[in-house]
PDB file of all heavy atoms in Angstrom:
ATOM      1  N   ALA A   1       5.002   2.285   1.385  1.00  0.00           N
ATOM      2  CA  ALA A   1       6.311   1.620   1.295  1.00  0.00           C
ATOM      3  C   ALA A   1       6.951   1.526   2.682  1.00  0.00           C
ATOM      4  O   ALA A   1       7.554   0.497   3.033  1.00  0.00           O
ATOM      5  CB  ALA A   1       7.212   2.384   0.338  1.00  0.00           C
ATOM      6  N   GLN A   2       6.825   2.580   3.455  1.00  0.00           N
ATOM      7  CA  GLN A   2       7.405   2.570   4.808  1.00  0.00           C
ATOM      8  C   GLN A   2       6.655   1.607   5.721  1.00  0.00           C
ATOM      9  O   GLN A   2       7.265   0.910   6.539  1.00  0.00           O
ATOM     10  CB  GLN A   2       7.395   3.983   5.386  1.00  0.00           C
ATOM     11  CG  GLN A   2       8.120   4.119   6.712  1.00  0.00           C
ATOM     12  CD  GLN A   2       9.586   3.789   6.605  1.00  0.00           C
ATOM     13  OE1 GLN A   2      10.271   4.249   5.665  1.00  0.00           O
ATOM     14  NE2 GLN A   2      10.101   2.979   7.524  1.00  0.00           N
ATOM     15  N   ALA A   3       5.331   1.568   5.569  1.00  0.00           N
ATOM     16  CA  ALA A   3       4.534   0.686   6.416  1.00  0.00           C
ATOM     17  C   ALA A   3       4.911  -0.781   6.193  1.00  0.00           C
ATOM     18  O   ALA A   3       4.872  -1.591   7.127  1.00  0.00           O
ATOM     19  CB  ALA A   3       3.055   0.889   6.129  1.00  0.00           C
ATOM     20  N   LYS A   4       5.283  -1.120   4.955  1.00  0.00           N
ATOM     21  CA  LYS A   4       5.674  -2.494   4.651  1.00  0.00           C
ATOM     22  C   LYS A   4       6.993  -2.878   5.337  1.00  0.00           C
ATOM     23  O   LYS A   4       7.267  -4.066   5.510  1.00  0.00           O
ATOM     24  CB  LYS A   4       5.798  -2.679   3.149  1.00  0.00           C
ATOM     25  CG  LYS A   4       4.462  -2.583   2.414  1.00  0.00           C
ATOM     26  CD  LYS A   4       4.641  -2.619   0.895  1.00  0.00           C
ATOM     27  CE  LYS A   4       3.307  -2.498   0.165  1.00  0.00           C
ATOM     28  NZ  LYS A   4       3.464  -2.473  -1.313  1.00  0.00           N
ATOM     29  N   LYS A   5       7.770  -1.884   5.745  1.00  0.00           N
ATOM     30  CA  LYS A   5       9.072  -2.150   6.374  1.00  0.00           C
ATOM     31  C   LYS A   5       9.001  -2.129   7.878  1.00  0.00           C
ATOM     32  O   LYS A   5       9.846  -2.747   8.549  1.00  0.00           O
ATOM     33  CB  LYS A   5      10.078  -1.089   5.909  1.00  0.00           C
ATOM     34  CG  LYS A   5      10.324  -1.041   4.413  1.00  0.00           C
ATOM     35  CD  LYS A   5      11.266   0.109   4.065  1.00  0.00           C
ATOM     36  CE  LYS A   5      11.453   0.259   2.564  1.00  0.00           C
ATOM     37  NZ  LYS A   5      12.329   1.422   2.225  1.00  0.00           N
ATOM     38  N   ASP A   6       8.063  -1.412   8.448  1.00  0.00           N
ATOM     39  CA  ASP A   6       8.062  -1.172   9.890  1.00  0.00           C
ATOM     40  C   ASP A   6       7.522  -2.359  10.679  1.00  0.00           C
ATOM     41  O   ASP A   6       6.580  -3.048  10.250  1.00  0.00           O
ATOM     42  CB  ASP A   6       7.219   0.080  10.213  1.00  0.00           C
ATOM     43  CG  ASP A   6       7.876   1.358   9.710  1.00  0.00           C
ATOM     44  OD1 ASP A   6       9.103   1.347   9.509  1.00  0.00           O
ATOM     45  OD2 ASP A   6       7.160   2.360   9.527  1.00  0.00           O
ATOM     46  N   GLU A   7       8.093  -2.559  11.852  1.00  0.00           N
ATOM     47  CA  GLU A   7       7.640  -3.626  12.745  1.00  0.00           C
ATOM     48  C   GLU A   7       6.343  -3.194  13.430  1.00  0.00           C
ATOM     49  O   GLU A   7       6.095  -2.012  13.653  1.00  0.00           O
ATOM     50  CB  GLU A   7       8.712  -3.941  13.800  1.00  0.00           C
ATOM     51  CG  GLU A   7       9.987  -4.541  13.223  1.00  0.00           C
ATOM     52  CD  GLU A   7      10.968  -4.920  14.308  1.00  0.00           C
ATOM     53  OE1 GLU A   7      10.606  -4.773  15.489  1.00  0.00           O
ATOM     54  OE2 GLU A   7      12.103  -5.331  13.975  1.00  0.00           O
ATOM     55  N   GLY A   8       5.531  -4.180  13.757  1.00  0.00           N
ATOM     56  CA  GLY A   8       4.276  -3.894  14.425  1.00  0.00           C
ATOM     57  C   GLY A   8       3.229  -3.297  13.509  1.00  0.00           C
ATOM     58  O   GLY A   8       2.229  -2.751  13.972  1.00  0.00           O
ATOM     59  N   VAL A   9       3.470  -3.414  12.194  1.00  0.00           N
ATOM     60  CA  VAL A   9       2.562  -2.856  11.199  1.00  0.00           C
ATOM     61  C   VAL A   9       2.216  -3.945  10.190  1.00  0.00           C
ATOM     62  O   VAL A   9       3.109  -4.597   9.643  1.00  0.00           O
ATOM     63  CB  VAL A   9       3.183  -1.646  10.481  1.00  0.00           C
ATOM     64  CG1 VAL A   9       2.224  -1.093   9.433  1.00  0.00           C
ATOM     65  CG2 VAL A   9       3.571  -0.567  11.483  1.00  0.00           C
ATOM     66  N   GLU A  10       0.936  -4.149   9.920  1.00  0.00           N
ATOM     67  CA  GLU A  10       0.515  -5.167   8.972  1.00  0.00           C
ATOM     68  C   GLU A  10      -0.505  -4.581   7.994  1.00  0.00           C
ATOM     69  O   GLU A  10      -1.488  -3.952   8.401  1.00  0.00           O
ATOM     70  CB  GLU A  10      -0.118  -6.353   9.711  1.00  0.00           C
ATOM     71  CG  GLU A  10      -0.589  -7.469   8.774  1.00  0.00           C
ATOM     72  CD  GLU A  10      -1.344  -8.574   9.505  1.00  0.00           C
ATOM     73  OE1 GLU A  10      -1.627  -8.417  10.707  1.00  0.00           O
ATOM     74  OE2 GLU A  10      -1.674  -9.597   8.834  1.00  0.00           O
ATOM     75  N   ILE A  11      -0.249  -4.764   6.710  1.00  0.00           N
ATOM     76  CA  ILE A  11      -1.225  -4.374   5.688  1.00  0.00           C
ATOM     77  C   ILE A  11      -2.092  -5.593   5.395  1.00  0.00           C
ATOM     78  O   ILE A  11      -1.606  -6.611   4.905  1.00  0.00           O
ATOM     79  CB  ILE A  11      -0.521  -3.888   4.413  1.00  0.00           C
ATOM     80  CG1 ILE A  11       0.242  -2.582   4.696  1.00  0.00           C
ATOM     81  CG2 ILE A  11      -1.548  -3.654   3.289  1.00  0.00           C
ATOM     82  CD1 ILE A  11       1.039  -2.076   3.514  1.00  0.00           C
ATOM     83  N   ILE A  12      -3.376  -5.495   5.716  1.00  0.00           N
ATOM     84  CA  ILE A  12      -4.258  -6.666   5.564  1.00  0.00           C
ATOM     85  C   ILE A  12      -5.092  -6.595   4.291  1.00  0.00           C
ATOM     86  O   ILE A  12      -5.763  -7.549   3.921  1.00  0.00           O
ATOM     87  CB  ILE A  12      -5.197  -6.838   6.775  1.00  0.00           C
ATOM     88  CG1 ILE A  12      -6.139  -5.635   6.915  1.00  0.00           C
ATOM     89  CG2 ILE A  12      -4.383  -7.039   8.045  1.00  0.00           C
ATOM     90  CD1 ILE A  12      -7.241  -5.860   7.925  1.00  0.00           C
ATOM     91  N   ALA A  13      -5.049  -5.445   3.589  1.00  0.00           N
ATOM     92  CA  ALA A  13      -5.752  -5.324   2.311  1.00  0.00           C
ATOM     93  C   ALA A  13      -5.106  -4.192   1.538  1.00  0.00           C
ATOM     94  O   ALA A  13      -4.725  -3.166   2.094  1.00  0.00           O
ATOM     95  CB  ALA A  13      -7.241  -5.029   2.517  1.00  0.00           C
ATOM     96  N   GLY A  14      -4.961  -4.389   0.232  1.00  0.00           N
ATOM     97  CA  GLY A  14      -4.405  -3.348  -0.625  1.00  0.00           C
ATOM     98  C   GLY A  14      -2.908  -3.203  -0.453  1.00  0.00           C
ATOM     99  O   GLY A  14      -2.177  -4.194  -0.287  1.00  0.00           O
ATOM    100  N   GLY A  15      -2.426  -1.958  -0.564  1.00  0.00           N
ATOM    101  CA  GLY A  15      -1.016  -1.665  -0.385  1.00  0.00           C
ATOM    102  C   GLY A  15      -0.247  -1.468  -1.665  1.00  0.00           C
ATOM    103  O   GLY A  15       0.932  -1.113  -1.629  1.00  0.00           O
ATOM    104  N   ASN A  16      -0.881  -1.685  -2.825  1.00  0.00           N
ATOM    105  CA  ASN A  16      -0.165  -1.560  -4.090  1.00  0.00           C
ATOM    106  C   ASN A  16      -0.546  -0.253  -4.801  1.00  0.00           C
ATOM    107  O   ASN A  16      -1.650   0.266  -4.633  1.00  0.00           O
ATOM    108  CB  ASN A  16      -0.491  -2.747  -5.002  1.00  0.00           C
ATOM    109  CG  ASN A  16      -0.048  -4.063  -4.389  1.00  0.00           C
ATOM    110  OD1 ASN A  16       1.072  -4.190  -3.925  1.00  0.00           O
ATOM    111  ND2 ASN A  16      -0.945  -5.042  -4.368  1.00  0.00           N
ATOM    112  N   CYS A  17       0.371   0.244  -5.631  1.00  0.00           N
ATOM    113  CA  CYS A  17       0.193   1.496  -6.360  1.00  0.00           C
ATOM    114  C   CYS A  17       0.698   1.329  -7.783  1.00  0.00           C
ATOM    115  O   CYS A  17       1.635   0.567  -8.030  1.00  0.00           O
ATOM    116  CB  CYS A  17       0.964   2.646  -5.677  1.00  0.00           C
ATOM    117  SG  CYS A  17       0.699   2.799  -3.907  1.00  0.00           S
ATOM    118  N   ASP A  18       0.095   2.071  -8.709  1.00  0.00           N
ATOM    119  CA  ASP A  18       0.524   1.992 -10.111  1.00  0.00           C
ATOM    120  C   ASP A  18       0.178   3.322 -10.782  1.00  0.00           C
ATOM    121  O   ASP A  18      -0.991   3.724 -10.813  1.00  0.00           O
ATOM    122  CB  ASP A  18      -0.200   0.850 -10.811  1.00  0.00           C
ATOM    123  CG  ASP A  18       0.274   0.632 -12.243  1.00  0.00           C
ATOM    124  OD1 ASP A  18       1.048   1.480 -12.750  1.00  0.00           O
ATOM    125  OD2 ASP A  18      -0.133  -0.366 -12.866  1.00  0.00           O
ATOM    126  N   LYS A  19       1.199   3.987 -11.335  1.00  0.00           N
ATOM    127  CA  LYS A  19       0.938   5.246 -12.043  1.00  0.00           C
ATOM    128  C   LYS A  19       1.332   5.174 -13.522  1.00  0.00           C
ATOM    129  O   LYS A  19       1.592   6.199 -14.142  1.00  0.00           O
ATOM    130  CB  LYS A  19       1.657   6.396 -11.352  1.00  0.00           C
ATOM    131  CG  LYS A  19       3.184   6.314 -11.290  1.00  0.00           C
ATOM    132  CD  LYS A  19       3.742   7.560 -10.600  1.00  0.00           C
ATOM    133  CE  LYS A  19       5.248   7.508 -10.476  1.00  0.00           C
ATOM    134  NZ  LYS A  19       5.800   8.722  -9.803  1.00  0.00           N
ATOM    135  N   SER A  20       1.320   3.991 -14.077  1.00  0.00           N
ATOM    136  CA  SER A  20       1.691   3.848 -15.489  1.00  0.00           C
ATOM    137  C   SER A  20       0.630   4.461 -16.403  1.00  0.00           C
ATOM    138  O   SER A  20       0.956   5.088 -17.414  1.00  0.00           O
ATOM    139  CB  SER A  20       1.903   2.378 -15.817  1.00  0.00           C
ATOM    140  OG  SER A  20       0.733   1.621 -15.547  1.00  0.00           O
ATOM    141  N   GLU A  21      -0.650   4.303 -16.054  1.00  0.00           N
ATOM    142  CA  GLU A  21      -1.742   4.843 -16.869  1.00  0.00           C
ATOM    143  C   GLU A  21      -2.426   6.029 -16.192  1.00  0.00           C
ATOM    144  O   GLU A  21      -2.841   6.976 -16.835  1.00  0.00           O
ATOM    145  CB  GLU A  21      -2.772   3.759 -17.164  1.00  0.00           C
ATOM    146  CG  GLU A  21      -2.217   2.571 -17.933  1.00  0.00           C
ATOM    147  CD  GLU A  21      -1.789   2.952 -19.351  1.00  0.00           C
ATOM    148  OE1 GLU A  21      -2.381   3.910 -19.918  1.00  0.00           O
ATOM    149  OE2 GLU A  21      -0.881   2.301 -19.898  1.00  0.00           O
ATOM    150  N   GLY A  22      -2.564   5.911 -14.899  1.00  0.00           N
ATOM    151  CA  GLY A  22      -3.172   6.953 -14.071  1.00  0.00           C
ATOM    152  C   GLY A  22      -2.666   6.781 -12.660  1.00  0.00           C
ATOM    153  O   GLY A  22      -1.896   5.857 -12.374  1.00  0.00           O
ATOM    154  N   TYR A  23      -3.101   7.657 -11.763  1.00  0.00           N
ATOM    155  CA  TYR A  23      -2.543   7.653 -10.408  1.00  0.00           C
ATOM    156  C   TYR A  23      -3.402   6.781  -9.498  1.00  0.00           C
ATOM    157  O   TYR A  23      -4.197   7.268  -8.687  1.00  0.00           O
ATOM    158  CB  TYR A  23      -2.430   9.075  -9.890  1.00  0.00           C
ATOM    159  CG  TYR A  23      -1.590   9.946 -10.806  1.00  0.00           C
ATOM    160  CD1 TYR A  23      -2.159  10.980 -11.542  1.00  0.00           C
ATOM    161  CD2 TYR A  23      -0.235   9.684 -10.995  1.00  0.00           C
ATOM    162  CE1 TYR A  23      -1.404  11.754 -12.406  1.00  0.00           C
ATOM    163  CE2 TYR A  23       0.543  10.444 -11.851  1.00  0.00           C
ATOM    164  CZ  TYR A  23      -0.053  11.470 -12.559  1.00  0.00           C
ATOM    165  OH  TYR A  23       0.700  12.231 -13.416  1.00  0.00           O
ATOM    166  N   PHE A  24      -3.211   5.470  -9.624  1.00  0.00           N
ATOM    167  CA  PHE A  24      -4.051   4.523  -8.930  1.00  0.00           C
ATOM    168  C   PHE A  24      -3.366   3.973  -7.663  1.00  0.00           C
ATOM    169  O   PHE A  24      -2.251   3.449  -7.743  1.00  0.00           O
ATOM    170  CB  PHE A  24      -4.421   3.356  -9.858  1.00  0.00           C
ATOM    171  CG  PHE A  24      -5.356   3.758 -10.969  1.00  0.00           C
ATOM    172  CD1 PHE A  24      -4.882   3.947 -12.257  1.00  0.00           C
ATOM    173  CD2 PHE A  24      -6.697   3.969 -10.722  1.00  0.00           C
ATOM    174  CE1 PHE A  24      -5.739   4.324 -13.295  1.00  0.00           C
ATOM    175  CE2 PHE A  24      -7.563   4.340 -11.743  1.00  0.00           C
ATOM    176  CZ  PHE A  24      -7.091   4.522 -13.024  1.00  0.00           C
ATOM    177  N   VAL A  25      -4.062   4.108  -6.557  1.00  0.00           N
ATOM    178  CA  VAL A  25      -3.602   3.569  -5.281  1.00  0.00           C
ATOM    179  C   VAL A  25      -4.679   2.635  -4.759  1.00  0.00           C
ATOM    180  O   VAL A  25      -5.849   3.043  -4.605  1.00  0.00           O
ATOM    181  CB  VAL A  25      -3.337   4.691  -4.253  1.00  0.00           C
ATOM    182  CG1 VAL A  25      -2.926   4.099  -2.912  1.00  0.00           C
ATOM    183  CG2 VAL A  25      -2.285   5.661  -4.763  1.00  0.00           C
ATOM    184  N   GLU A  26      -4.331   1.394  -4.506  1.00  0.00           N
ATOM    185  CA  GLU A  26      -5.317   0.457  -3.976  1.00  0.00           C
ATOM    186  C   GLU A  26      -5.802   0.908  -2.599  1.00  0.00           C
ATOM    187  O   GLU A  26      -5.006   1.360  -1.763  1.00  0.00           O
ATOM    188  CB  GLU A  26      -4.698  -0.934  -3.829  1.00  0.00           C
ATOM    189  CG  GLU A  26      -4.555  -1.701  -5.114  1.00  0.00           C
ATOM    190  CD  GLU A  26      -4.038  -3.110  -4.854  1.00  0.00           C
ATOM    191  OE1 GLU A  26      -3.547  -3.389  -3.737  1.00  0.00           O
ATOM    192  OE2 GLU A  26      -4.138  -3.948  -5.773  1.00  0.00           O
ATOM    193  N   PRO A  27      -7.098   0.827  -2.347  1.00  0.00           N
ATOM    194  CA  PRO A  27      -7.587   1.054  -0.980  1.00  0.00           C
ATOM    195  C   PRO A  27      -6.843   0.129  -0.031  1.00  0.00           C
ATOM    196  O   PRO A  27      -6.722  -1.076  -0.299  1.00  0.00           O
ATOM    197  CB  PRO A  27      -9.064   0.703  -1.067  1.00  0.00           C
ATOM    198  CG  PRO A  27      -9.415   0.975  -2.501  1.00  0.00           C
ATOM    199  CD  PRO A  27      -8.204   0.561  -3.282  1.00  0.00           C
ATOM    200  N   THR A  28      -6.319   0.689   1.028  1.00  0.00           N
ATOM    201  CA  THR A  28      -5.396  -0.034   1.894  1.00  0.00           C
ATOM    202  C   THR A  28      -5.822   0.045   3.346  1.00  0.00           C
ATOM    203  O   THR A  28      -6.191   1.122   3.844  1.00  0.00           O
ATOM    204  CB  THR A  28      -3.976   0.549   1.749  1.00  0.00           C
ATOM    205  OG1 THR A  28      -3.553   0.414   0.392  1.00  0.00           O
ATOM    206  CG2 THR A  28      -2.999  -0.174   2.657  1.00  0.00           C
ATOM    207  N   VAL A  29      -5.776  -1.093   4.026  1.00  0.00           N
ATOM    208  CA  VAL A  29      -6.030  -1.150   5.468  1.00  0.00           C
ATOM    209  C   VAL A  29      -4.767  -1.581   6.172  1.00  0.00           C
ATOM    210  O   VAL A  29      -4.196  -2.633   5.860  1.00  0.00           O
ATOM    211  CB  VAL A  29      -7.175  -2.113   5.808  1.00  0.00           C
ATOM    212  CG1 VAL A  29      -7.376  -2.191   7.322  1.00  0.00           C
ATOM    213  CG2 VAL A  29      -8.480  -1.669   5.138  1.00  0.00           C
ATOM    214  N   ILE A  30      -4.320  -0.751   7.101  1.00  0.00           N
ATOM    215  CA  ILE A  30      -3.135  -1.030   7.913  1.00  0.00           C
ATOM    216  C   ILE A  30      -3.575  -1.284   9.348  1.00  0.00           C
ATOM    217  O   ILE A  30      -4.386  -0.522   9.892  1.00  0.00           O
ATOM    218  CB  ILE A  30      -2.162   0.167   7.869  1.00  0.00           C
ATOM    219  CG1 ILE A  30      -1.715   0.465   6.429  1.00  0.00           C
ATOM    220  CG2 ILE A  30      -0.955  -0.089   8.761  1.00  0.00           C
ATOM    221  CD1 ILE A  30      -0.889   1.732   6.309  1.00  0.00           C
TER     222      ILE A  30
END
């Protein structure tokens, strides 16, 4: 969440999370 706000930082893959069914975090490249 913080990386999405900061300057000079780009998420080029992933970045999403969902814990409705289980604790799933998309593989993310910053």
